[in-house]
Amino acid sequence: MSNIRHEPVAPTRAQALAAGEHIDAHRHDDHQIVYAGSGVLAVTTDAGTWFAPGNRAIWVPAGTVHAHRAHGHLDLHLVGLPADDNPLGLGAPTVLAVSALLRELILAYTRDPADDSAERRRLLAVLRDQLRASPQQPLRLPTPTDPRLAEVCALVQADPADARTLAALGAAAGVGERTLSRLFRSEFGMTFPQWRTQSRLYHALRLLAEDTPVTTVAHRCGWSSASAFIDVFRRSFGYTPGSHNRRSPQGR
């Protein structure tokens, strides 16, 4: 990432981002919680892209160079925490599950950043407690460093419906299947099928944020049927893809 801005204090605020709008690469001296009440949020670092629909938030540790991108209209909420206040004890970006209570706490806390009342400080204390109880979710697309792995990943991401095996993709890129299998595990800590599912889910979230019909999303992302897609999506996110755009706080 080039032209990196340094903003010492991580802001606490709510703001709207239009579909496709982005916030360029920057870093804070503070930690930050990034939550999208509507749309799909993508946070990208040199290590990869973390993505979150409305029931997930992304923890960005102090000093991490990162950029934001909106898929669909994004109702963005940012919570900054001092560098010495790390209730999660996490040193890398992480996707967290957001319960109904934690969502309401984030929305309330970011509503009036200038408020310095005792009530709002108590609100933050409860928010921090809820963060500690939030399960981590592996919603991440790592950035490959090996050029052979990068070429195969690019082939899959260019066409999520591509059903070729790892051996066939490797043949197209001039790399052996065993080598690629080893690279997926050593660089990403996952198998090729696991990574491809993550890639397809990320692409599916982006299409759903654009109001693409569920059956079309399933077809474009490589699932054999809409029901198969719905099953994987529900197990990954806890709700059905058909209800994705009805989950924003404004629509409740």
Foldseek 3Di string as FASTA:
>chain_A
DPPEAEDAFFDFAKDKDAAFDKFAWYFYQWKKKKAWLAFKKWKDALFFIFIDAHQKIKIAAHPTTIMMTGQAITGMGMDTDHNVDDLQPDDHIFIWGHDPVLSVLRCVLRHDVVDPDPVSVVSVVVNSVVRNVTDTAPLIQTQADDVLLNQLVVVCLVFLQDPDDLQVSCVVSVHHSVVNQVSCCVSVVDGPVVNSVSSLVVQLSSCLSVVDDQQVSCNRNRHPGSVVVQVVNCVRRVDGSVCRRCRRPVND
